Amino acid sequence: MRRRKFIALLGGAAAWPVAARAQQPAMPMVGFLNQGSAKPSAYLAAAFRNGLKEVGYVEGHNVAIEYRWAESQYNQLPELAADLIGRKASVLAVAFLPAALAAKALTSTIPICFVTGADPVNQGLVTSLNRPGGNVTGVAFFSALLGAKRLGLLHELVPAAGTFALLVNSTNANAESLTRDLQAAAHTLGKQILVLPASTEREIDGQFATLDQQRVGALIVAPVAFFDSQRDHIVELVARRAIPAIYERREAAEPVV
């Protein structure tokens, strides 16, 4: 009797992998959530696909990717993240800080992999850099913390400038810390910094008019997705005034193609 029970149990165990495979989706799905817009961020999506390909995952072949773009409307991020979660994403790939925070608030089980220029510990994404904890991990390049360094470079390039300006999107999660750091750096240099908040194209135009009135010597463009989507317009406004400007990365000053 014991032998018959053992054989029956073994036969049932052999069927488990088949049943498990039958319950799995035909192809794992990656949820790609970006707070910006598709066209100006196309190079990021392409780099993401190339990275997956390097480790053996090819879109449409052995992995599916669902793309969601918030178009710099940060209040849409929770809804977009919830949609990907509802579609049973195997993992969420999110960029940047607002998207990562939105995803983390909605799931503690689906793995979340982020990329951000902010400090992920101070922003509450992870517990620590060496032990992230929970279901969230990613890459932080701390570019948002280099505002003071950019100001220092501008000061070296335009030493006669008495006033600098910071173009910042006040709705972004790291706007406050970026502004605070730059104000402290400007004070150390004995300079003034004019903060120009803008979250729409019309507000960008208005702030550049303010820049003209204040006779600002140089401009710092904050690293936010909305300015990426407006980079052709911003670069044109800067060039028209021939004002020295510094950006987070090279792509921010290149035309959208």
Protein backbone atom coordinates (compact mmCIF):
# COMPACT_ATOMS: atom_id res chain seq x y z
CA MET A 1 0.00 0.00 0.00
CA ARG A 2 2.79 2.39 0.87
CA ARG A 3 4.48 1.62 -2.45
CA ARG A 4 1.29 2.39 -4.42
CA LYS A 5 0.84 5.69 -2.53
CA PHE A 6 4.44 6.65 -3.22
CA ILE A 7 4.09 5.96 -6.97
CA ALA A 8 0.85 7.98 -7.08
CA LEU A 9 2.47 10.86 -5.25
CA LEU A 10 5.47 10.78 -7.58
CA GLY A 11 3.21 10.82 -10.61
CA GLY A 12 1.34 13.82 -9.24
CA ALA A 13 4.60 15.67 -8.55
CA ALA A 14 5.74 15.06 -12.11
CA ALA A 15 2.60 16.79 -13.35
CA TRP A 16 3.18 19.92 -11.23
CA PRO A 17 5.67 21.61 -13.61
CA VAL A 18 3.26 21.03 -16.52
CA ALA A 19 0.40 22.60 -14.56
CA ALA A 20 2.60 25.46 -13.44
CA ARG A 21 3.69 26.17 -17.00
CA ALA A 22 0.09 26.13 -18.14
CA GLN A 23 -0.76 28.84 -15.62
CA GLN A 24 2.07 31.12 -16.69
CA PRO A 25 1.55 33.76 -19.41
CA ALA A 26 2.95 32.85 -22.81
CA MET A 27 5.42 35.72 -22.59
CA PRO A 28 6.57 37.78 -19.58
CA MET A 29 5.59 41.43 -19.74
CA VAL A 30 7.70 44.37 -18.67
CA GLY A 31 5.84 47.53 -17.73
CA PHE A 32 7.80 50.57 -18.94
CA LEU A 33 6.66 53.72 -17.14
CA ASN A 34 8.17 57.10 -17.99
CA GLN A 35 7.04 60.46 -16.69
CA GLY A 36 8.03 62.18 -19.95
CA SER A 37 6.97 61.94 -23.58
CA ALA A 38 7.68 59.22 -26.14
CA LYS A 39 9.40 61.25 -28.88
CA PRO A 40 11.99 63.19 -26.85
CA SER A 41 12.67 60.10 -24.73
CA ALA A 42 12.94 57.69 -27.66
CA TYR A 43 16.68 57.29 -27.06
CA LEU A 44 15.96 56.06 -23.53
CA ALA A 45 13.47 53.45 -24.73
CA ALA A 46 15.92 52.30 -27.40
CA ALA A 47 18.72 51.97 -24.83
CA PHE A 48 16.37 49.98 -22.59
CA ARG A 49 15.54 47.55 -25.40
CA ASN A 50 19.21 47.18 -26.28
CA GLY A 51 20.02 46.43 -22.65
CA LEU A 52 17.38 43.71 -22.53
CA LYS A 53 18.72 42.27 -25.78
CA GLU A 54 22.22 42.05 -24.32
CA VAL A 55 20.94 39.68 -21.63
CA GLY A 56 18.85 37.60 -24.03
CA TYR A 57 15.44 39.30 -24.00
CA VAL A 58 14.11 40.52 -27.34
CA GLU A 59 10.89 42.49 -27.52
CA GLY A 60 8.19 40.53 -29.31
CA HIS A 61 10.25 37.33 -29.25
CA ASN A 62 10.56 36.27 -25.61
CA VAL A 63 9.39 39.38 -23.76
CA ALA A 64 6.62 41.90 -24.20
CA ILE A 65 6.94 45.57 -23.25
CA GLU A 66 3.98 47.79 -22.42
CA TYR A 67 4.91 51.47 -22.67
CA ARG A 68 3.20 54.18 -20.65
CA TRP A 69 4.11 57.87 -20.99
CA ALA A 70 2.80 60.49 -18.57
CA GLU A 71 3.59 63.41 -20.91
CA SER A 72 4.94 65.32 -17.87
CA GLN A 73 1.49 65.14 -16.27
CA TYR A 74 2.69 63.73 -12.96
CA ASN A 75 -0.85 63.34 -11.61
CA GLN A 76 -1.38 60.68 -14.29
CA LEU A 77 1.43 58.46 -13.03
CA PRO A 78 -0.60 56.53 -10.39
CA GLU A 79 -3.24 55.65 -12.98
CA LEU A 80 -0.65 54.55 -15.53
CA ALA A 81 1.21 52.47 -12.94
CA ALA A 82 -2.05 50.88 -11.79
CA ASP A 83 -2.85 49.94 -15.39
CA LEU A 84 0.47 48.12 -15.78
CA ILE A 85 -0.02 46.36 -12.46
CA GLY A 86 -3.51 45.32 -13.51
CA ARG A 87 -2.07 43.85 -16.71
CA LYS A 88 0.11 41.54 -14.59
CA ALA A 89 3.47 43.07 -15.38
CA SER A 90 6.30 40.78 -14.31
CA VAL A 91 8.46 43.79 -13.49
CA LEU A 92 8.11 47.58 -13.67
CA ALA A 93 10.90 49.63 -15.25
CA VAL A 94 10.35 53.24 -14.23
CA ALA A 95 11.99 56.59 -15.01
CA PHE A 96 12.39 58.90 -13.18
CA LEU A 97 11.73 59.85 -9.53
CA PRO A 98 7.99 60.77 -9.72
CA ALA A 99 7.28 57.60 -11.72
CA ALA A 100 9.25 55.48 -9.26
CA LEU A 101 7.41 56.93 -6.27
CA ALA A 102 4.03 56.37 -7.96
CA ALA A 103 4.85 52.72 -8.69
CA LYS A 104 6.20 52.04 -5.22
CA ALA A 105 3.02 53.41 -3.63
CA LEU A 106 0.90 50.88 -5.52
CA THR A 107 2.71 47.56 -5.15
CA SER A 108 4.95 45.84 -2.64
CA THR A 109 5.18 42.57 -4.59
CA ILE A 110 5.98 43.36 -8.24
CA PRO A 111 9.71 44.10 -8.66
CA ILE A 112 10.38 47.75 -9.51
CA CYS A 113 13.59 48.82 -11.21
CA PHE A 114 14.12 52.58 -11.37
CA VAL A 115 16.56 55.09 -12.79
CA THR A 116 16.81 58.49 -11.13
CA GLY A 117 19.08 61.45 -10.82
CA ALA A 118 17.95 62.06 -7.24
CA ASP A 119 19.11 60.45 -4.00
CA PRO A 120 16.82 57.38 -3.71
CA VAL A 121 17.37 57.10 0.05
CA ASN A 122 16.45 60.69 0.88
CA GLN A 123 13.46 60.47 -1.44
CA GLY A 124 12.15 57.33 0.26
CA LEU A 125 12.56 54.90 -2.63
CA VAL A 126 14.95 52.53 -0.85
CA THR A 127 16.18 51.97 2.69
CA SER A 128 19.86 52.22 1.78
CA LEU A 129 22.08 52.06 -1.30
CA ASN A 130 23.78 48.76 -0.43
CA ARG A 131 20.61 47.11 0.93
CA PRO A 132 17.61 48.58 -0.89
CA GLY A 133 15.11 46.25 0.77
CA GLY A 134 11.56 45.51 -0.35
CA ASN A 135 10.68 45.20 -4.02
CA VAL A 136 12.47 48.32 -5.27
CA THR A 137 15.98 48.67 -6.69
CA GLY A 138 17.63 50.54 -9.51
CA VAL A 139 20.28 52.97 -10.67
CA ALA A 140 20.89 56.43 -9.21
CA PHE A 141 23.37 58.72 -10.93
CA PHE A 142 22.83 61.65 -8.51
CA SER A 143 22.79 64.25 -11.29
CA ALA A 144 20.13 66.23 -9.43
CA LEU A 145 22.68 66.74 -6.66
CA LEU A 146 25.18 68.38 -9.01
CA GLY A 147 23.35 71.69 -9.32
CA ALA A 148 25.96 73.45 -7.20
CA LYS A 149 28.71 72.05 -9.43
CA ARG A 150 26.94 73.36 -12.54
CA LEU A 151 26.64 76.77 -10.93
CA GLY A 152 30.35 76.69 -10.15
CA LEU A 153 31.18 75.88 -13.78
CA LEU A 154 29.00 78.74 -15.00
CA HIS A 155 30.69 81.07 -12.55
CA GLU A 156 34.08 80.11 -13.98
CA LEU A 157 32.83 80.64 -17.55
CA VAL A 158 30.99 83.90 -16.84
CA PRO A 159 32.78 85.39 -13.80
CA ALA A 160 31.31 88.86 -14.39
CA ALA A 161 27.71 87.63 -14.06
CA GLY A 162 26.14 88.94 -10.89
CA THR A 163 22.85 87.05 -11.21
CA PHE A 164 22.19 83.50 -12.36
CA ALA A 165 18.81 81.94 -13.09
CA LEU A 166 17.42 78.47 -12.43
CA LEU A 167 14.65 77.22 -14.71
CA VAL A 168 12.84 74.58 -12.66
CA ASN A 169 9.58 72.66 -12.77
CA SER A 170 8.11 73.24 -9.31
CA THR A 171 5.81 70.21 -9.66
CA ASN A 172 8.79 67.84 -9.80
CA ALA A 173 9.59 65.87 -6.65
CA ASN A 174 13.19 67.07 -6.37
CA ALA A 175 12.55 70.74 -7.24
CA GLU A 176 12.68 71.92 -3.64
CA SER A 177 15.98 70.26 -2.78
CA LEU A 178 17.56 71.37 -6.06
CA THR A 179 16.50 74.97 -5.48
CA ARG A 180 17.74 74.92 -1.89
CA ASP A 181 21.16 73.55 -2.88
CA LEU A 182 21.63 76.12 -5.62
CA GLN A 183 20.62 79.00 -3.37
CA ALA A 184 23.19 77.88 -0.81
CA ALA A 185 25.88 77.55 -3.50
CA ALA A 186 25.06 80.99 -4.91
CA HIS A 187 25.33 82.51 -1.44
CA THR A 188 28.77 80.93 -1.00
CA LEU A 189 29.88 82.51 -4.28
CA GLY A 190 28.42 85.87 -3.32
CA LYS A 191 26.00 85.70 -6.24
CA GLN A 192 22.25 85.93 -6.62
CA ILE A 193 20.10 83.20 -8.14
CA LEU A 194 16.72 83.90 -9.67
CA VAL A 195 14.34 80.92 -9.47
CA LEU A 196 12.06 80.64 -12.51
CA PRO A 197 9.35 77.97 -11.98
CA ALA A 198 7.65 76.71 -15.14
CA SER A 199 5.43 73.69 -15.73
CA THR A 200 3.86 74.66 -19.09
CA GLU A 201 5.21 76.00 -22.38
CA ARG A 202 3.45 79.31 -21.74
CA GLU A 203 5.13 79.60 -18.35
CA ILE A 204 8.52 78.91 -19.96
CA ASP A 205 7.95 81.82 -22.35
CA GLY A 206 6.91 84.05 -19.46
CA GLN A 207 9.97 83.16 -17.41
CA PHE A 208 12.31 83.92 -20.29
CA ALA A 209 10.69 87.35 -20.48
CA THR A 210 11.49 87.71 -16.78
CA LEU A 211 15.04 86.61 -17.51
CA ASP A 212 15.35 89.48 -20.01
CA GLN A 213 14.05 92.03 -17.52
CA GLN A 214 16.41 90.93 -14.76
CA ARG A 215 19.50 90.93 -17.01
CA VAL A 216 20.55 87.49 -15.88
CA GLY A 217 24.11 86.53 -16.73
CA ALA A 218 23.67 82.76 -17.19
CA LEU A 219 21.02 80.04 -16.93
CA ILE A 220 20.81 76.61 -15.31
CA VAL A 221 18.12 74.32 -16.74
CA ALA A 222 16.95 71.82 -14.13
CA PRO A 223 16.97 68.10 -15.00
CA VAL A 224 13.27 67.26 -15.40
CA ALA A 225 11.34 65.25 -17.98
CA PHE A 226 9.08 68.18 -18.88
CA PHE A 227 12.06 70.24 -20.02
CA ASP A 228 13.19 67.28 -22.12
CA SER A 229 9.87 67.44 -23.95
CA GLN A 230 10.37 71.19 -24.44
CA ARG A 231 14.06 71.12 -25.21
CA ASP A 232 13.80 72.39 -28.82
CA HIS A 233 11.82 75.36 -27.58
CA ILE A 234 14.15 76.04 -24.62
CA VAL A 235 17.31 75.79 -26.74
CA GLU A 236 15.77 78.20 -29.26
CA LEU A 237 14.92 80.71 -26.52
CA VAL A 238 18.44 80.45 -25.09
CA ALA A 239 20.10 80.83 -28.51
CA ARG A 240 17.94 83.83 -29.39
CA ARG A 241 19.27 85.62 -26.31
CA ALA A 242 22.83 84.29 -26.66
CA ILE A 243 22.83 83.58 -22.92
CA PRO A 244 25.24 81.01 -21.47
CA ALA A 245 23.28 77.96 -20.27
CA ILE A 246 24.10 74.61 -18.71
CA TYR A 247 22.01 71.43 -18.75
CA GLU A 248 22.05 68.09 -16.99
CA ARG A 249 23.23 66.07 -19.98
CA ARG A 250 24.12 66.46 -23.63
CA GLU A 251 20.74 65.27 -24.93
CA ALA A 252 18.98 68.17 -23.22
CA ALA A 253 20.60 70.57 -25.68
CA GLU A 254 20.19 68.40 -28.78
CA PRO A 255 17.21 68.66 -31.15
CA VAL A 256 14.41 66.12 -30.90
CA VAL A 257 14.51 63.84 -33.95
